[in-house]
Amino acid sequence: MMLNRYLRLLIQYRLLWGTLAAGLLLVGVAIAWMQPRWLFNILSPAICPGALYYVETAQPLVALTIDDGPDDQRTGKTNTTQKILDILAQHQAKATFFLISNRITPQNQGLIAEMIRQGHELGNHLMADEPSINLPLPKFEAALKTAEQKILAAAQVPSGYSLQWLRPGSGRCNPAMSNIAQQQGYRMALGSLWPYDTSLPSSSYAVQQILANLRPGSVLVLHDYGPHGDWGDRTVVTLAQVLPKLKERGYTVVTLTELVQSAAAPVK
């Protein structure tokens, strides 16, 4: 009798914890899919204090950011950065390109100037694709300055043009890094809508996730380059499907600076 009672309690205990675990898993999946803004507000001090994640605006605007370019064509394939620029021009969309300076070569630096000519914005993604938070502060500051010099040189911009936005590698920073960025005239920028395009090799997933969760003031993060150009090619496919849908919904795709400026502009 006692043994049967014990077994029943054990089964009930396991069922309870199994149900709880399944519930927590579902909550985690829902949060990962929806990426709610309140979560960024809670986690921002631990992720990257002072960074911009989204903008509160009633206007139908969304900022598009492209990380990790330019494509330096190591694989010999068609340059994915050029394809991204072409799809943006086709749909009259603007973007902020967070560039890695060590990927700028004599062969692709003309694309940096082309970004400016097409009305896009340049951002600093430092010198290499590595977690910036692991760099000693002097090396972080040196990388910021060196990357800026190379990006601006390739952009062929007039004297006085400056970069405003910094995205740390792997999306993490600490208060000391934020202070250095601010001293150098930068603001940290992350994002509020990231369809896991460096982890999930599916443009279909990215399109559905973006369209399901995009709101006015969202900052969308997509990627150029990647292994064998994969990330850049997926971004082209994703944008080709997302941009027409956003236009149908009345959205305009803009740079980070344009989105921030919209928050202070009156709604017409």
Protein backbone atom coordinates (compact mmCIF):
# COMPACT_ATOMS: atom_id res chain seq x y z
CA MET A 1 0.00 0.00 0.00
CA MET A 2 2.69 2.47 0.99
CA LEU A 3 4.70 1.56 -2.11
CA ASN A 4 1.73 2.22 -4.41
CA ARG A 5 1.10 5.57 -2.74
CA TYR A 6 4.75 6.49 -3.13
CA LEU A 7 4.71 5.58 -6.81
CA ARG A 8 1.56 7.65 -7.40
CA LEU A 9 3.13 10.68 -5.71
CA LEU A 10 6.31 10.23 -7.74
CA ILE A 11 4.34 10.08 -10.99
CA GLN A 12 2.34 13.18 -10.02
CA TYR A 13 5.56 14.99 -9.08
CA ARG A 14 7.16 14.17 -12.41
CA LEU A 15 4.04 15.18 -14.32
CA LEU A 16 3.95 18.49 -12.47
CA TRP A 17 7.57 19.29 -13.22
CA GLY A 18 7.20 18.09 -16.80
CA THR A 19 4.23 20.40 -17.30
CA LEU A 20 6.10 23.29 -15.70
CA ALA A 21 9.17 22.67 -17.88
CA ALA A 22 7.02 22.51 -21.01
CA GLY A 23 5.29 25.74 -20.03
CA LEU A 24 8.59 27.51 -19.45
CA LEU A 25 9.87 26.24 -22.79
CA LEU A 26 6.80 27.61 -24.56
CA VAL A 27 7.22 30.96 -22.84
CA GLY A 28 10.88 31.04 -23.90
CA VAL A 29 9.99 30.22 -27.49
CA ALA A 30 7.30 32.92 -27.52
CA ILE A 31 9.70 35.53 -26.16
CA ALA A 32 12.39 34.52 -28.66
CA TRP A 33 9.87 34.87 -31.48
CA MET A 34 8.23 38.12 -30.36
CA GLN A 35 11.28 39.90 -28.89
CA PRO A 36 9.05 42.20 -26.79
CA ARG A 37 10.29 45.70 -26.11
CA TRP A 38 9.75 45.45 -22.38
CA LEU A 39 12.37 42.72 -22.34
CA PHE A 40 14.96 45.05 -23.91
CA ASN A 41 14.12 47.66 -21.29
CA ILE A 42 14.79 45.13 -18.52
CA LEU A 43 17.92 43.56 -19.99
CA SER A 44 19.57 46.62 -21.55
CA PRO A 45 21.75 47.45 -18.49
CA ALA A 46 23.20 43.95 -18.65
CA ILE A 47 23.51 43.74 -22.44
CA CYS A 48 24.78 47.18 -23.45
CA PRO A 49 23.88 50.13 -21.18
CA GLY A 50 22.86 53.28 -22.96
CA ALA A 51 22.42 51.59 -26.33
CA LEU A 52 19.55 52.35 -28.70
CA TYR A 53 17.27 49.36 -29.23
CA TYR A 54 14.19 50.99 -30.78
CA VAL A 55 12.55 54.39 -31.05
CA GLU A 56 9.17 55.40 -29.67
CA THR A 57 7.39 56.98 -32.62
CA ALA A 58 3.87 56.96 -33.98
CA GLN A 59 5.12 57.38 -37.53
CA PRO A 60 5.25 54.27 -39.77
CA LEU A 61 9.03 54.14 -39.94
CA VAL A 62 11.47 51.32 -39.37
CA ALA A 63 15.25 51.51 -39.40
CA LEU A 64 17.16 48.88 -41.33
CA THR A 65 20.70 48.05 -40.21
CA ILE A 66 23.11 45.74 -42.04
CA ASP A 67 26.07 44.30 -40.11
CA ASP A 68 29.41 42.75 -41.03
CA GLY A 69 30.02 44.15 -44.52
CA PRO A 70 31.49 44.78 -46.87
CA ASP A 71 31.82 41.45 -48.63
CA ASP A 72 35.51 41.10 -49.53
CA GLN A 73 34.73 38.35 -52.10
CA ARG A 74 37.10 35.76 -50.68
CA THR A 75 34.87 33.07 -52.16
CA GLY A 76 35.00 34.61 -55.62
CA LYS A 77 31.20 34.81 -55.80
CA THR A 78 29.20 37.88 -56.75
CA ASN A 79 29.64 40.53 -54.08
CA THR A 80 26.72 40.30 -51.66
CA THR A 81 27.13 43.95 -50.60
CA GLN A 82 26.44 45.04 -54.18
CA LYS A 83 23.36 42.82 -54.32
CA ILE A 84 22.07 44.34 -51.06
CA LEU A 85 22.57 47.85 -52.44
CA ASP A 86 20.72 46.87 -55.61
CA ILE A 87 17.68 45.50 -53.77
CA LEU A 88 17.53 48.58 -51.54
CA ALA A 89 17.66 50.88 -54.57
CA GLN A 90 14.93 48.86 -56.26
CA HIS A 91 12.58 49.46 -53.31
CA GLN A 92 13.72 53.00 -52.38
CA ALA A 93 14.79 51.81 -48.93
CA LYS A 94 17.61 53.24 -46.83
CA ALA A 95 19.88 51.49 -44.36
CA THR A 96 22.65 52.03 -41.85
CA PHE A 97 25.59 49.79 -42.74
CA PHE A 98 27.74 48.76 -39.78
CA LEU A 99 31.06 48.05 -41.45
CA ILE A 100 34.03 45.97 -40.33
CA SER A 101 37.09 47.91 -41.43
CA ASN A 102 39.37 44.89 -41.98
CA ARG A 103 37.02 43.76 -44.73
CA ILE A 104 37.49 46.93 -46.75
CA THR A 105 39.83 46.25 -49.67
CA PRO A 106 40.91 48.18 -52.78
CA GLN A 107 38.49 45.97 -54.72
CA ASN A 108 35.38 46.74 -52.66
CA GLN A 109 36.00 50.19 -51.19
CA GLY A 110 34.06 51.77 -54.03
CA LEU A 111 30.93 50.20 -52.56
CA ILE A 112 31.40 52.27 -49.40
CA ALA A 113 31.31 55.47 -51.41
CA GLU A 114 28.29 54.10 -53.29
CA MET A 115 26.44 53.68 -50.00
CA ILE A 116 26.83 57.39 -49.34
CA ARG A 117 25.80 58.31 -52.89
CA GLN A 118 22.61 56.28 -52.53
CA GLY A 119 21.68 58.03 -49.28
CA HIS A 120 22.57 55.28 -46.85
CA GLU A 121 24.37 55.80 -43.56
CA LEU A 122 27.65 54.31 -42.34
CA GLY A 123 28.16 52.89 -38.87
CA ASN A 124 31.25 51.60 -37.08
CA HIS A 125 31.43 47.85 -36.36
CA LEU A 126 35.10 48.04 -35.40
CA MET A 127 37.97 46.19 -37.07
CA ALA A 128 37.11 42.50 -36.82
CA ASP A 129 34.18 40.17 -36.25
CA GLU A 130 34.89 39.46 -32.58
CA PRO A 131 33.23 40.13 -29.21
CA SER A 132 34.17 43.73 -28.47
CA ILE A 133 33.50 43.27 -24.77
CA ASN A 134 36.54 40.97 -24.56
CA LEU A 135 38.91 43.70 -25.72
CA PRO A 136 40.89 45.63 -23.10
CA LEU A 137 39.60 49.19 -23.05
CA PRO A 138 42.71 50.71 -24.70
CA LYS A 139 42.44 48.19 -27.55
CA PHE A 140 38.71 48.84 -27.86
CA GLU A 141 39.29 52.57 -28.21
CA ALA A 142 42.14 52.03 -30.67
CA ALA A 143 39.99 49.68 -32.77
CA LEU A 144 37.16 52.23 -32.79
CA LYS A 145 39.45 54.98 -34.07
CA THR A 146 41.29 52.82 -36.61
CA ALA A 147 38.04 51.46 -38.04
CA GLU A 148 36.60 54.95 -38.30
CA GLN A 149 39.61 56.22 -40.24
CA LYS A 150 39.48 53.37 -42.74
CA ILE A 151 35.70 53.58 -43.22
CA LEU A 152 35.78 57.33 -43.80
CA ALA A 153 38.73 57.06 -46.18
CA ALA A 154 36.87 54.49 -48.28
CA ALA A 155 33.67 56.55 -48.21
CA GLN A 156 35.42 59.55 -49.80
CA VAL A 157 33.28 61.93 -47.78
CA PRO A 158 33.93 65.67 -47.40
CA SER A 159 35.97 66.91 -44.48
CA GLY A 160 33.80 67.19 -41.38
CA TYR A 161 31.65 64.15 -42.12
CA SER A 162 31.55 61.90 -39.06
CA LEU A 163 30.19 58.52 -38.04
CA GLN A 164 27.50 58.65 -35.34
CA TRP A 165 26.66 55.03 -34.58
CA LEU A 166 28.71 52.21 -33.08
CA ARG A 167 27.60 48.59 -32.87
CA PRO A 168 29.89 46.48 -30.69
CA GLY A 169 30.87 43.07 -31.97
CA SER A 170 28.52 40.33 -30.71
CA GLY A 171 26.16 43.05 -29.43
CA ARG A 172 27.52 43.44 -25.92
CA CYS A 173 29.22 46.31 -24.11
CA ASN A 174 29.81 47.66 -20.62
CA PRO A 175 29.54 51.17 -19.14
CA ALA A 176 33.23 51.92 -19.72
CA MET A 177 32.87 51.06 -23.42
CA SER A 178 29.76 53.24 -23.67
CA ASN A 179 31.67 56.13 -22.08
CA ILE A 180 34.53 55.77 -24.57
CA ALA A 181 32.08 55.67 -27.46
CA GLN A 182 30.34 58.80 -26.20
CA GLN A 183 33.66 60.62 -25.77
CA GLN A 184 34.45 59.82 -29.41
CA GLY A 185 31.12 61.18 -30.60
CA TYR A 186 29.29 57.87 -30.93
CA ARG A 187 26.13 56.34 -29.60
CA MET A 188 25.83 52.59 -29.18
CA ALA A 189 23.09 51.00 -31.30
CA LEU A 190 21.76 47.46 -31.15
CA GLY A 191 18.25 46.66 -32.35
CA SER A 192 14.80 45.36 -31.45
CA LEU A 193 14.13 42.95 -34.29
CA TRP A 194 16.69 40.26 -35.04
CA PRO A 195 15.47 37.18 -37.00
CA TYR A 196 18.47 35.04 -35.98
CA ASP A 197 19.77 35.22 -39.55
CA THR A 198 23.30 34.20 -38.54
CA SER A 199 22.01 31.09 -36.77
CA LEU A 200 18.96 29.90 -38.71
CA PRO A 201 19.67 29.40 -42.43
CA SER A 202 16.12 30.25 -43.48
CA SER A 203 14.97 33.41 -45.21
CA SER A 204 11.41 32.11 -44.91
CA TYR A 205 11.68 32.13 -41.11
CA ALA A 206 13.27 35.60 -41.15
CA VAL A 207 10.50 37.02 -43.33
CA GLN A 208 7.72 35.60 -41.15
CA GLN A 209 9.39 36.70 -37.91
CA ILE A 210 9.97 40.25 -39.18
CA LEU A 211 6.47 40.72 -40.58
CA ALA A 212 4.84 39.28 -37.45
CA ASN A 213 6.67 41.51 -34.98
CA LEU A 214 7.63 44.74 -36.73
CA ARG A 215 6.21 47.93 -35.21
CA PRO A 216 6.76 51.66 -35.80
CA GLY A 217 10.20 52.54 -34.48
CA SER A 218 11.64 49.04 -34.80
CA VAL A 219 15.35 48.65 -35.56
CA LEU A 220 15.84 45.63 -37.80
CA VAL A 221 19.20 43.84 -37.77
CA LEU A 222 20.31 41.79 -40.77
CA HIS A 223 23.77 40.67 -41.89
CA ASP A 224 26.05 40.84 -44.89
CA TYR A 225 29.04 38.60 -45.57
CA GLY A 226 29.03 35.35 -43.54
CA PRO A 227 30.50 31.94 -44.37
CA HIS A 228 30.76 31.64 -48.16
CA GLY A 229 28.58 34.75 -48.48
CA ASP A 230 25.61 32.89 -46.99
CA TRP A 231 24.42 35.66 -44.67
CA GLY A 232 24.54 38.29 -47.38
CA ASP A 233 22.70 36.11 -49.90
CA ARG A 234 19.98 35.35 -47.34
CA THR A 235 19.62 39.05 -46.57
CA VAL A 236 19.03 39.77 -50.26
CA VAL A 237 16.30 37.10 -50.40
CA THR A 238 14.78 38.33 -47.14
CA LEU A 239 14.71 41.97 -48.21
CA ALA A 240 13.23 41.09 -51.60
CA GLN A 241 10.21 39.65 -49.77
CA VAL A 242 9.99 41.99 -46.77
CA LEU A 243 10.40 45.39 -48.43
CA PRO A 244 7.32 45.14 -50.71
CA LYS A 245 5.21 43.97 -47.74
CA LEU A 246 6.37 46.90 -45.63
CA LYS A 247 5.45 49.30 -48.41
CA GLU A 248 1.98 47.71 -48.61
CA ARG A 249 1.59 48.33 -44.87
CA GLY A 250 2.54 51.98 -45.29
CA TYR A 251 6.04 51.75 -43.78
CA THR A 252 9.08 53.69 -44.90
CA VAL A 253 12.49 52.06 -44.36
CA VAL A 254 15.03 54.60 -43.13
CA THR A 255 18.44 54.99 -41.52
CA LEU A 256 18.97 55.02 -37.78
CA THR A 257 19.50 58.77 -37.72
CA GLU A 258 16.31 59.38 -39.69
CA LEU A 259 14.36 57.17 -37.31
CA VAL A 260 15.69 58.99 -34.24
CA GLN A 261 14.89 62.35 -35.80
CA SER A 262 11.33 61.20 -36.46
CA ALA A 263 10.70 60.83 -32.73
CA ALA A 264 10.93 64.59 -32.29
CA ALA A 265 8.94 65.40 -35.43
CA PRO A 266 5.21 66.11 -35.19
CA VAL A 267 2.86 63.51 -36.64
CA LYS A 268 1.21 64.85 -39.81
